[in-house]
């Protein structure tokens, strides 16, 4: 008997060290370059259940308890090891943990998304370390709250991993405090021995094609923020009166947006989608979503788990179009994607169903329209004598071609890569390390990997920070630890602490219970501040 890793795998790898027979692969690395999910070798699994108990997102099941749509992963886990016999690997070295004197090491963490929270969790493993976390919004957890799809409640459960650290007596939360506005980078360094930036990659890449500025053209990430109740996007206007929407790019974000746009009101009402988006989408006329990708299916950025999941959408036909490319011999995930696409292509459409169309091997060249988007001009990527340019008629184009980090005042910045230059998380300017300044997450490595990838990334950064502390390489702190409170008070800034967040959480869940929903979010900052004060 065996346990099975399924669709929701977030690549956190908490399951790897608890497995007594070390049968989970591949082991993620700090740069996020590994497989998109983990697998359990059924031939080696001893049926102990340690991995299931440890999984933060409920992605692991005993083979006898697999939900119907997830049974396919029993074969997938076995297939992964068919050509990869399990080999012993060197145990992960456990960094030395020596307690520090209270006040001897005070660290500021900027951001409260997965990368920042994993860093806080890692720091709290060393007794005596004091941490202050700063977040621009009144709520924590970054893209877990405002980026994970509303219908992926299990994935959002990863926040339970972070609560022990964020409620630790040596950690203080400063939500609703903007670093760079309410307090500067230089002031953080005056009050802390080290600063870790875990701010992610907040801007969306552009396509650089004509017509991109036309109304009706949006970044998919902005739409995600809109339907997830992010305060920056709660007032956005998304035109869903068109029959067809086109999404450029084929990562997991594209699939998330497609599911939301094709979802029924009843389906969406069972999630924690923002109330304003639920009302707006109830009037939607969208019947078809076309996802455009430049390359073949094996090279698509979406994970195999999410690609399989869209095939289970009720009332939605999956259509495979364009040049899907070739089945790779040495890419396990790519081969699975290819096989899954071929399975979808053999399905018979059902009259009256909505459609999710995957257009592979297709390059966008122009958004066309007079005063707003009326279509997307595309051309075959390979251009091998097949049909030429065509226009896909649509009133809504969403670009989902990746994220990009933005410069942080006071820090060096690599404009080409969109990251803060660093060596293993240590910020560098030229050939020299910047004393006391560190990065983790996407602002460190670029927008690669998934929620759990930030775990190994943060471990690397924190290990280097602690090493610098042990060797006396951190700057001396001039100001007292509680000086941050006085500074913010002088400026009229009122931080929200963890207790305030808990009041927001309780109020949202109470509103959700009244409507048989997981929660009903507050989407405006004044509402969030008021809820925190109740």
Protein backbone atom coordinates (compact mmCIF):
# COMPACT_ATOMS: atom_id res chain seq x y z
CA UNK A 1 0.00 0.00 0.00
CA UNK A 2 1.14 3.53 -0.65
CA UNK A 3 0.40 7.18 -0.13
CA UNK A 4 -0.02 9.42 -3.18
CA UNK A 5 0.84 13.07 -3.83
CA UNK A 6 -1.89 14.77 -5.85
CA UNK A 7 -2.85 17.99 -7.59
CA UNK A 8 -2.54 20.43 -4.68
CA UNK A 9 1.20 19.78 -4.15
CA UNK A 10 2.82 23.15 -3.37
CA UNK A 11 6.43 21.89 -3.42
CA UNK A 12 6.94 22.86 0.22
CA UNK A 13 8.79 19.55 0.76
CA UNK A 14 7.86 19.35 4.44
CA UNK A 15 7.06 15.73 3.65
CA UNK A 16 10.62 14.89 2.54
CA UNK A 17 12.47 14.89 5.89
CA UNK A 18 9.68 13.08 7.78
CA UNK A 19 9.61 10.10 5.40
CA UNK A 20 11.38 7.25 7.27
CA UNK A 21 12.44 5.53 4.05
CA UNK A 22 13.28 8.68 2.05
CA UNK A 23 11.04 7.79 -0.90
CA UNK A 24 9.83 11.26 -1.96
CA UNK A 25 11.44 12.95 -4.97
CA UNK A 26 12.61 15.29 -6.37
CA UNK A 27 13.97 17.30 -3.46
CA UNK A 28 13.45 21.02 -4.21
CA UNK A 29 16.42 23.38 -4.41
CA UNK A 30 16.63 26.99 -3.31
CA UNK A 31 16.54 28.38 -6.85
CA UNK A 32 13.14 26.91 -7.72
CA UNK A 33 14.43 24.99 -10.73
CA UNK A 34 13.06 21.57 -9.79
CA UNK A 35 9.94 19.69 -10.80
CA UNK A 36 6.57 21.33 -10.38
CA UNK A 37 5.40 18.70 -7.88
CA UNK A 38 6.72 15.87 -5.73
CA UNK A 39 6.13 12.13 -6.08
CA UNK A 40 6.09 9.11 -3.72
CA UNK A 41 7.69 5.84 -4.81
CA UNK A 42 4.96 3.20 -4.26
CA UNK A 43 7.53 0.38 -4.19
CA UNK A 44 9.35 1.92 -1.23
CA UNK A 45 6.50 3.54 0.71
CA UNK A 46 5.94 1.79 4.07
CA UNK A 47 2.38 3.10 4.53
CA UNK A 48 3.23 5.03 7.72
CA UNK A 49 1.31 8.22 6.94
CA UNK A 50 3.99 10.62 8.20
CA UNK A 51 3.95 12.56 4.92
CA UNK A 52 0.17 12.91 4.96
CA UNK A 53 0.23 14.33 8.48
CA UNK A 54 2.96 16.81 7.55
CA UNK A 55 1.55 18.08 4.22
CA UNK A 56 0.45 21.72 4.72
CA UNK A 57 -2.08 21.74 1.86
CA UNK A 58 -3.74 18.32 2.13
CA UNK A 59 -2.25 17.05 -1.13
CA UNK A 60 -1.35 13.54 0.12
CA UNK A 61 -3.84 10.68 0.34
CA UNK A 62 -3.70 6.99 1.07
CA UNK A 63 -4.32 5.14 -2.18
CA UNK A 64 -7.57 3.68 -0.78
CA UNK A 65 -8.89 7.17 0.02
CA UNK A 66 -8.11 9.02 -3.21
CA UNK A 67 -11.02 11.23 -4.33
CA UNK A 68 -12.33 10.22 -7.75
CA UNK A 69 -10.68 13.01 -9.80
CA UNK A 70 -7.34 12.36 -8.07
CA UNK A 71 -7.05 8.63 -8.77
CA UNK A 72 -4.98 9.36 -11.87
CA UNK A 73 -2.12 10.44 -9.60
CA UNK A 74 -1.66 6.88 -8.34
CA UNK A 75 -0.30 5.93 -11.75
CA UNK A 76 1.55 9.23 -12.15
CA UNK A 77 3.50 8.72 -8.92
CA UNK A 78 4.42 5.20 -10.02
CA UNK A 79 5.37 6.36 -13.53
CA UNK A 80 7.79 8.94 -12.16
CA UNK A 81 9.93 6.21 -10.60
CA UNK A 82 9.64 3.74 -13.51
CA UNK A 83 12.76 5.17 -15.16
CA UNK A 84 14.22 6.66 -11.97
CA UNK A 85 15.07 3.90 -9.52
CA UNK A 86 15.08 5.34 -6.01
CA UNK A 87 18.64 5.99 -4.87
CA UNK A 88 19.87 6.98 -1.46
CA UNK A 89 20.76 10.63 -1.18
CA UNK A 90 22.92 12.51 1.23
CA UNK A 91 20.98 13.75 4.24
CA UNK A 92 20.30 17.47 4.30
CA UNK A 93 22.84 19.07 6.63
CA UNK A 94 21.21 20.56 9.69
CA UNK A 95 22.73 24.00 10.33
CA UNK A 96 23.98 24.51 13.87
CA UNK A 97 21.43 26.24 16.07
CA UNK A 98 22.88 28.16 18.99
CA UNK A 99 20.66 30.42 21.06
CA UNK A 100 21.42 34.13 21.03
CA UNK A 101 21.22 36.62 23.84
CA UNK A 102 17.93 38.58 23.85
CA UNK A 103 18.40 41.78 21.88
CA UNK A 104 21.64 40.57 20.28
CA UNK A 105 19.99 39.85 16.92
CA UNK A 106 16.98 41.85 15.79
CA UNK A 107 15.76 41.27 12.22
CA UNK A 108 13.21 43.19 10.15
CA UNK A 109 11.31 41.27 7.48
CA UNK A 110 9.59 43.32 4.78
CA UNK A 111 6.56 41.52 3.39
CA UNK A 112 4.33 38.79 4.77
CA UNK A 113 3.86 36.54 1.74
CA UNK A 114 5.12 32.95 1.61
CA UNK A 115 8.80 33.89 1.19
CA UNK A 116 8.73 36.29 4.13
CA UNK A 117 6.74 33.90 6.33
CA UNK A 118 9.09 31.00 5.64
CA UNK A 119 11.99 33.30 6.61
CA UNK A 120 10.23 34.23 9.85
CA UNK A 121 9.55 30.56 10.60
CA UNK A 122 13.20 29.72 10.05
CA UNK A 123 14.44 32.58 12.25
CA UNK A 124 12.11 31.60 15.10
CA UNK A 125 13.90 28.26 15.31
CA UNK A 126 16.83 30.09 16.94
CA UNK A 127 15.92 31.11 20.48
CA UNK A 128 16.58 34.75 21.33
CA UNK A 129 16.19 36.16 17.82
CA UNK A 130 13.73 39.06 17.67
CA UNK A 131 11.79 39.71 14.47
CA UNK A 132 9.62 42.60 13.31
CA UNK A 133 7.52 41.96 10.18
CA UNK A 134 6.29 44.88 8.07
CA UNK A 135 3.40 44.69 5.59
CA UNK A 136 1.95 47.51 3.49
CA UNK A 137 -1.58 46.06 3.60
CA UNK A 138 -3.71 45.59 6.73
CA UNK A 139 -3.64 41.82 6.13
CA UNK A 140 -0.81 39.27 5.99
CA UNK A 141 0.07 36.37 3.67
CA UNK A 142 0.52 38.18 0.35
CA UNK A 143 -0.34 36.06 -2.68
CA UNK A 144 -1.80 33.30 -0.52
CA UNK A 145 -4.64 35.67 0.29
CA UNK A 146 -4.75 37.69 -2.91
CA UNK A 147 -3.25 35.36 -5.52
CA UNK A 148 -4.34 31.77 -4.87
CA UNK A 149 -7.55 30.98 -6.75
CA UNK A 150 -10.78 31.19 -4.71
CA UNK A 151 -11.61 27.55 -5.45
CA UNK A 152 -8.25 26.36 -4.06
CA UNK A 153 -9.08 26.52 -0.36
CA UNK A 154 -6.77 23.61 0.47
CA UNK A 155 -3.81 25.51 -0.95
CA UNK A 156 -4.66 28.52 1.21
CA UNK A 157 -4.42 26.24 4.23
CA UNK A 158 -0.63 26.56 4.04
CA UNK A 159 -0.95 29.66 6.25
CA UNK A 160 -1.34 27.30 9.23
CA UNK A 161 2.38 26.59 8.86
CA UNK A 162 3.21 30.21 9.55
CA UNK A 163 0.93 30.98 12.47
CA UNK A 164 3.27 29.54 15.17
CA UNK A 165 6.02 31.92 14.03
CA UNK A 166 3.79 34.96 13.59
CA UNK A 167 2.31 34.45 17.06
CA UNK A 168 5.69 33.82 18.72
CA UNK A 169 6.39 36.23 21.61
CA UNK A 170 9.67 37.28 19.92
CA UNK A 171 7.92 38.32 16.71
CA UNK A 172 5.89 41.49 16.25
CA UNK A 173 3.64 42.24 13.28
CA UNK A 174 3.38 45.72 11.78
CA UNK A 175 0.60 45.42 9.21
CA UNK A 176 -0.65 48.56 7.43
CA UNK A 177 2.89 49.99 7.48
CA UNK A 178 4.52 50.78 4.14
CA UNK A 179 8.31 50.51 4.07
CA UNK A 180 9.59 53.37 1.91
CA UNK A 181 6.71 55.63 2.93
CA UNK A 182 5.93 55.21 6.63
CA UNK A 183 9.45 54.07 7.48
CA UNK A 184 12.56 54.08 5.29
CA UNK A 185 15.09 51.37 4.54
CA UNK A 186 17.74 53.38 6.37
CA UNK A 187 15.52 53.64 9.44
CA UNK A 188 14.96 49.89 9.44
CA UNK A 189 18.73 49.41 9.55
CA UNK A 190 18.98 51.87 12.44
CA UNK A 191 16.61 49.71 14.50
CA UNK A 192 17.62 46.22 13.32
CA UNK A 193 20.83 44.28 12.84
CA UNK A 194 19.54 42.88 9.54
CA UNK A 195 16.70 43.39 7.09
CA UNK A 196 15.23 40.67 4.86
CA UNK A 197 13.14 41.73 1.88
CA UNK A 198 10.55 39.14 0.86
CA UNK A 199 8.45 41.45 -1.28
CA UNK A 200 7.97 39.21 -4.32
CA UNK A 201 7.69 40.42 -7.90
CA UNK A 202 4.78 42.82 -7.97
CA UNK A 203 4.63 44.02 -11.57
CA UNK A 204 3.41 42.12 -14.62
CA UNK A 205 5.50 41.74 -17.75
CA UNK A 206 4.22 43.36 -20.92
CA UNK A 207 3.96 41.82 -24.38
CA UNK A 208 5.40 44.72 -26.35
CA UNK A 209 2.87 44.35 -29.17
CA UNK A 210 0.84 47.08 -30.92
CA UNK A 211 -2.54 47.82 -29.37
CA UNK A 212 -1.53 46.68 -25.91
CA UNK A 213 -2.71 50.01 -24.48
CA UNK A 214 -6.30 49.60 -25.74
CA UNK A 215 -9.07 49.38 -23.12
CA UNK A 216 -10.07 45.77 -22.57
CA UNK A 217 -6.43 44.72 -22.22
CA UNK A 218 -5.37 43.79 -18.67
CA UNK A 219 -2.65 41.99 -16.78
CA UNK A 220 -4.09 38.67 -15.61
CA UNK A 221 -2.48 39.31 -12.21
CA UNK A 222 -4.61 42.44 -11.83
CA UNK A 223 -7.73 40.41 -12.56
CA UNK A 224 -6.62 37.88 -9.96
CA UNK A 225 -6.26 40.72 -7.46
CA UNK A 226 -9.70 42.01 -8.45
CA UNK A 227 -11.56 38.77 -7.87
CA UNK A 228 -9.54 38.00 -4.73
CA UNK A 229 -10.39 41.32 -3.09
CA UNK A 230 -6.94 42.93 -3.15
CA UNK A 231 -7.46 46.56 -2.04
CA UNK A 232 -5.37 47.88 -4.94
CA UNK A 233 -7.75 46.31 -7.48
CA UNK A 234 -11.16 46.25 -5.77
CA UNK A 235 -12.31 49.20 -7.87
CA UNK A 236 -11.06 47.87 -11.22
CA UNK A 237 -13.49 47.51 -14.12
CA UNK A 238 -13.39 44.21 -16.00
CA UNK A 239 -15.62 43.92 -19.07
CA UNK A 240 -17.23 40.48 -19.06
CA UNK A 241 -19.91 41.32 -21.62
CA UNK A 242 -17.87 39.73 -24.42
CA UNK A 243 -18.59 36.15 -25.49
CA UNK A 244 -14.92 35.19 -25.66
CA UNK A 245 -11.93 36.08 -23.48
CA UNK A 246 -8.34 35.48 -24.56
CA UNK A 247 -5.50 34.82 -22.13
CA UNK A 248 -1.93 35.11 -23.43
CA UNK A 249 0.41 32.78 -21.55
CA UNK A 250 -0.27 29.32 -20.20
CA UNK A 251 0.90 29.11 -16.60
CA UNK A 252 -1.18 28.26 -13.55
CA UNK A 253 -2.41 31.85 -13.29
CA UNK A 254 -3.93 31.58 -16.77
CA UNK A 255 -5.74 28.38 -15.75
CA UNK A 256 -6.94 29.99 -12.52
CA UNK A 257 -8.41 32.97 -14.36
CA UNK A 258 -10.00 30.73 -16.98
CA UNK A 259 -11.75 28.65 -14.30
CA UNK A 260 -13.12 31.77 -12.64
CA UNK A 261 -14.33 33.30 -15.92
CA UNK A 262 -16.05 30.05 -16.91
CA UNK A 263 -17.44 29.27 -13.46
CA UNK A 264 -21.13 29.45 -12.72
CA UNK A 265 -22.51 31.77 -10.06
CA UNK A 266 -23.33 28.75 -7.90
CA UNK A 267 -19.78 27.40 -8.19
CA UNK A 268 -18.16 30.75 -7.42
CA UNK A 269 -20.52 31.45 -4.53
CA UNK A 270 -19.09 28.41 -2.71
CA UNK A 271 -15.62 30.04 -2.64
CA UNK A 272 -14.12 33.12 -0.98
CA UNK A 273 -14.18 35.17 -4.19
CA UNK A 274 -14.63 38.87 -3.47
CA UNK A 275 -18.25 39.94 -3.23
CA UNK A 276 -17.90 42.67 -5.86
CA UNK A 277 -16.44 40.15 -8.33
CA UNK A 278 -19.15 37.60 -7.59
CA UNK A 279 -21.87 40.15 -8.37
CA UNK A 280 -20.09 41.31 -11.51
CA UNK A 281 -19.44 37.82 -12.85
CA UNK A 282 -23.06 36.89 -12.29
CA UNK A 283 -23.75 39.12 -15.32
CA UNK A 284 -20.95 37.61 -17.41
CA UNK A 285 -21.62 36.58 -21.01
CA UNK A 286 -18.31 34.76 -21.43
CA UNK A 287 -18.85 31.32 -22.98
CA UNK A 288 -15.33 30.62 -24.21
CA UNK A 289 -11.82 31.27 -22.92
CA UNK A 290 -8.89 30.85 -25.30
CA UNK A 291 -5.45 30.33 -23.76
CA UNK A 292 -2.68 31.23 -26.20
CA UNK A 293 0.81 29.76 -25.80
CA UNK A 294 3.81 30.32 -28.03
CA UNK A 295 5.24 26.83 -27.69
CA UNK A 296 3.96 23.27 -27.50
CA UNK A 297 2.12 21.69 -24.61
CA UNK A 298 5.22 20.01 -23.15
CA UNK A 299 6.76 23.46 -22.62
CA UNK A 300 3.65 25.00 -21.06
CA UNK A 301 4.27 26.66 -17.69
CA UNK A 302 1.18 25.23 -15.97
CA UNK A 303 1.69 22.25 -13.70
CA UNK A 304 0.48 18.82 -14.70
CA UNK A 305 -1.81 18.76 -11.67
CA UNK A 306 -3.63 21.91 -12.72
CA UNK A 307 -3.82 20.78 -16.36
CA UNK A 308 -5.46 17.54 -15.28
CA UNK A 309 -7.82 19.43 -12.98
CA UNK A 310 -9.35 21.59 -15.71
CA UNK A 311 -10.48 18.41 -17.42
CA UNK A 312 -12.85 17.84 -14.49
CA UNK A 313 -14.65 21.18 -14.83
CA UNK A 314 -18.39 20.60 -14.97
CA UNK A 315 -20.08 21.97 -18.07
CA UNK A 316 -16.81 22.91 -19.80
CA UNK A 317 -15.35 21.28 -22.92
CA UNK A 318 -11.56 21.26 -23.27
CA UNK A 319 -10.45 21.98 -26.83
CA UNK A 320 -6.85 21.44 -28.02
CA UNK A 321 -5.82 23.53 -31.01
CA UNK A 322 -2.70 24.76 -32.79
CA UNK A 323 0.67 23.04 -32.86
CA UNK A 324 1.04 20.99 -29.67
CA UNK A 325 4.65 20.11 -30.52
CA UNK A 326 6.29 16.76 -29.87
CA UNK A 327 6.28 14.40 -26.92
CA UNK A 328 9.60 14.73 -25.07
CA UNK A 329 11.60 11.65 -24.15
CA UNK A 330 13.43 12.97 -21.10
CA UNK A 331 10.95 15.40 -19.53
CA UNK A 332 8.54 13.53 -17.25
CA UNK A 333 6.18 16.43 -16.59
CA UNK A 334 6.29 17.50 -20.24
CA UNK A 335 5.40 14.00 -21.44
CA UNK A 336 2.46 13.90 -19.03
CA UNK A 337 1.21 17.23 -20.34
CA UNK A 338 1.49 15.96 -23.92
CA UNK A 339 -0.41 12.76 -23.10
CA UNK A 340 -3.09 14.69 -21.24
CA UNK A 341 -3.55 17.06 -24.18
CA UNK A 342 -4.00 14.11 -26.52
CA UNK A 343 -6.60 12.65 -24.17
CA UNK A 344 -8.52 15.94 -24.22
CA UNK A 345 -8.29 16.11 -28.01
CA UNK A 346 -10.13 12.77 -28.28
CA UNK A 347 -13.09 13.94 -26.23
CA UNK A 348 -16.43 14.60 -27.89
CA UNK A 349 -17.81 18.13 -27.28
CA UNK A 350 -21.12 18.39 -25.44
CA UNK A 351 -23.80 20.68 -26.85
CA UNK A 352 -24.44 23.65 -24.58
CA UNK A 353 -21.12 23.42 -22.74
CA UNK A 354 -18.78 26.35 -22.33
CA UNK A 355 -15.33 25.96 -23.91
CA UNK A 356 -11.75 26.23 -22.68
CA UNK A 357 -9.54 26.32 -25.76
CA UNK A 358 -5.78 25.79 -25.61
CA UNK A 359 -4.05 27.32 -28.65
CA UNK A 360 -0.48 25.98 -28.63
CA UNK A 361 2.29 27.05 -31.02
CA UNK A 362 0.61 30.43 -31.45
CA UNK A 363 2.24 33.86 -31.13
CA UNK A 364 0.28 37.07 -30.45
CA UNK A 365 1.33 39.93 -32.72
CA UNK A 366 -1.25 42.70 -32.23
CA UNK A 367 -4.28 43.68 -30.20
CA UNK A 368 -6.69 45.07 -32.75
CA UNK A 369 -9.53 47.53 -32.33
CA UNK A 370 -10.54 51.13 -32.90
CA UNK A 371 -11.30 52.54 -29.45
CA UNK A 372 -11.06 49.32 -27.44
CA UNK A 373 -10.02 45.70 -27.90
CA UNK A 374 -11.94 43.91 -30.64
CA UNK A 375 -9.58 41.04 -31.33
CA UNK A 376 -6.10 39.53 -31.05
CA UNK A 377 -4.02 38.97 -34.15
CA UNK A 378 -1.96 35.79 -33.89
CA UNK A 379 0.42 33.85 -36.09
CA UNK A 380 1.86 30.32 -35.96
CA UNK A 381 5.06 30.35 -33.91
CA UNK A 382 6.93 27.96 -36.19
CA UNK A 383 5.70 29.51 -39.43
CA UNK A 384 6.27 26.30 -41.42
CA UNK A 385 3.92 26.99 -44.29
CA UNK A 386 0.66 26.42 -42.42
CA UNK A 387 -2.16 28.97 -42.10
CA UNK A 388 -0.95 32.54 -41.65
CA UNK A 389 -2.13 35.35 -39.42
CA UNK A 390 -5.67 35.31 -38.09
CA UNK A 391 -7.67 37.47 -35.71
CA UNK A 392 -9.36 35.88 -32.69
CA UNK A 393 -12.38 38.05 -31.99
CA UNK A 394 -12.61 39.12 -28.36
CA UNK A 395 -13.40 42.10 -26.18
CA UNK A 396 -11.13 40.99 -23.34
CA UNK A 397 -7.41 40.20 -23.54
CA UNK A 398 -5.47 39.21 -20.45
CA UNK A 399 -1.69 38.87 -20.47
CA UNK A 400 -0.29 36.19 -18.19
CA UNK A 401 3.35 36.14 -19.25
CA UNK A 402 5.04 36.36 -15.88
CA UNK A 403 5.92 38.75 -13.12
CA UNK A 404 8.78 41.14 -12.64
CA UNK A 405 10.35 42.58 -9.52
CA UNK A 406 10.52 46.34 -8.99
CA UNK A 407 13.37 48.37 -7.55
CA UNK A 408 13.48 48.84 -3.77
CA UNK A 409 14.65 52.30 -2.63
CA UNK A 410 18.06 52.05 -1.01
CA UNK A 411 18.98 48.71 -2.61
CA UNK A 412 20.85 47.87 -5.82
CA UNK A 413 18.67 46.49 -8.60
CA UNK A 414 19.25 44.34 -11.68
CA UNK A 415 16.92 45.95 -14.22
CA UNK A 416 17.47 43.20 -16.79
CA UNK A 417 16.48 40.32 -14.50
CA UNK A 418 14.10 42.27 -12.30
CA UNK A 419 15.75 41.11 -9.05
CA UNK A 420 17.92 42.54 -6.29
CA UNK A 421 21.50 41.32 -6.96
CA UNK A 422 22.45 38.76 -4.34
CA UNK A 423 24.58 35.74 -3.56
CA UNK A 424 22.50 33.13 -1.80
CA UNK A 425 20.27 35.85 -0.36
CA UNK A 426 23.05 38.25 0.65
CA UNK A 427 22.47 41.53 -1.22
CA UNK A 428 25.53 42.59 -3.18
CA UNK A 429 26.56 45.85 -4.83
CA UNK A 430 29.21 45.11 -7.40
CA UNK A 431 31.59 42.63 -5.79
CA UNK A 432 30.75 43.57 -2.22
CA UNK A 433 28.03 42.36 0.12
CA UNK A 434 25.75 45.04 1.56
CA UNK A 435 26.07 44.50 5.32
CA UNK A 436 22.87 43.41 7.02
CA UNK A 437 20.63 43.35 3.92
CA UNK A 438 19.11 40.14 2.52
CA UNK A 439 16.43 38.98 0.09
CA UNK A 440 14.29 35.89 -0.28
CA UNK A 441 11.59 34.72 -2.68
CA UNK A 442 10.96 36.10 -6.15
CA UNK A 443 12.82 39.36 -5.52
CA UNK A 444 15.85 37.12 -4.87
CA UNK A 445 15.62 34.45 -7.57
CA UNK A 446 13.06 35.76 -10.07
CA UNK A 447 9.47 34.53 -10.54
CA UNK A 448 10.17 30.79 -10.51
CA UNK A 449 8.72 28.05 -8.39
CA UNK A 450 5.62 27.75 -6.28
CA UNK A 451 4.51 28.53 -2.74
CA UNK A 452 6.59 25.78 -1.18
CA UNK A 453 9.70 26.59 -3.22
CA UNK A 454 10.11 29.58 -0.94
CA UNK A 455 10.87 27.27 1.96
CA UNK A 456 14.30 26.13 0.76
CA UNK A 457 14.94 29.62 -0.60
CA UNK A 458 14.30 31.18 2.83
CA UNK A 459 16.38 28.54 4.58
CA UNK A 460 19.35 29.48 2.43
CA UNK A 461 18.95 33.20 3.13
CA UNK A 462 18.47 32.77 6.88
CA UNK A 463 21.46 30.39 7.12
CA UNK A 464 23.66 33.07 5.56
CA UNK A 465 22.24 35.76 7.83
CA UNK A 466 22.93 33.67 10.95
CA UNK A 467 26.42 32.88 9.68
CA UNK A 468 27.10 36.59 9.23
CA UNK A 469 25.84 37.22 12.77
CA UNK A 470 28.10 34.52 14.25
CA UNK A 471 31.11 35.99 12.49
CA UNK A 472 30.41 39.61 13.45
CA UNK A 473 29.59 40.81 9.93
CA UNK A 474 26.30 42.53 10.80
CA UNK A 475 26.19 46.28 11.48
CA UNK A 476 25.76 47.68 14.97
CA UNK A 477 22.26 48.85 15.86
CA UNK A 478 22.10 52.41 17.14
CA UNK A 479 18.42 52.60 18.15
CA UNK A 480 16.45 50.61 20.73
CA UNK A 481 14.16 47.77 19.65
CA UNK A 482 10.93 49.56 20.55
CA UNK A 483 12.11 52.72 18.82
CA UNK A 484 10.10 51.67 15.76
CA UNK A 485 6.88 52.14 17.74
CA UNK A 486 7.81 55.68 18.77
CA UNK A 487 8.88 56.56 15.23
CA UNK A 488 5.60 55.39 13.72
CA UNK A 489 3.57 57.09 16.44
CA UNK A 490 5.31 60.40 15.74
CA UNK A 491 4.24 60.08 12.10
CA UNK A 492 0.65 59.21 12.90
CA UNK A 493 0.99 55.67 11.56
CA UNK A 494 -1.23 53.13 13.32
CA UNK A 495 0.06 49.58 12.72
CA UNK A 496 -2.27 46.60 12.87
CA UNK A 497 -0.86 43.78 14.95
CA UNK A 498 -1.60 40.06 14.90
CA UNK A 499 -4.58 40.50 17.23
CA UNK A 500 -6.00 43.06 14.80
CA UNK A 501 -5.58 40.61 11.93
CA UNK A 502 -7.38 37.97 13.97
CA UNK A 503 -10.33 40.33 14.37
CA UNK A 504 -10.40 40.84 10.59
CA UNK A 505 -10.21 37.06 10.10
CA UNK A 506 -13.05 36.41 12.55
CA UNK A 507 -15.26 39.08 10.98
CA UNK A 508 -14.69 37.76 7.44
CA UNK A 509 -15.40 34.18 8.46
CA UNK A 510 -18.50 35.26 10.37
CA UNK A 511 -19.79 37.04 7.27
CA UNK A 512 -18.97 33.95 5.24
CA UNK A 513 -20.87 31.64 7.60
CA UNK A 514 -23.95 33.79 7.15
CA UNK A 515 -23.78 33.07 3.41
CA UNK A 516 -22.50 29.45 3.51
CA UNK A 517 -19.10 30.58 2.22
CA UNK A 518 -15.55 30.12 3.58
CA UNK A 519 -15.35 33.88 4.17
CA UNK A 520 -16.58 37.16 2.76
CA UNK A 521 -13.60 39.46 2.47
CA UNK A 522 -13.31 43.14 3.21
CA UNK A 523 -11.77 44.62 0.08
CA UNK A 524 -11.33 48.28 1.06
CA UNK A 525 -8.56 49.43 3.39
CA UNK A 526 -10.89 51.53 5.60
CA UNK A 527 -13.13 48.46 6.08
CA UNK A 528 -10.15 46.32 7.02
CA UNK A 529 -8.85 48.91 9.49
CA UNK A 530 -12.28 49.22 11.06
CA UNK A 531 -12.62 45.44 11.39
CA UNK A 532 -9.18 45.25 13.02
CA UNK A 533 -10.23 47.79 15.63
CA UNK A 534 -13.53 46.14 16.63
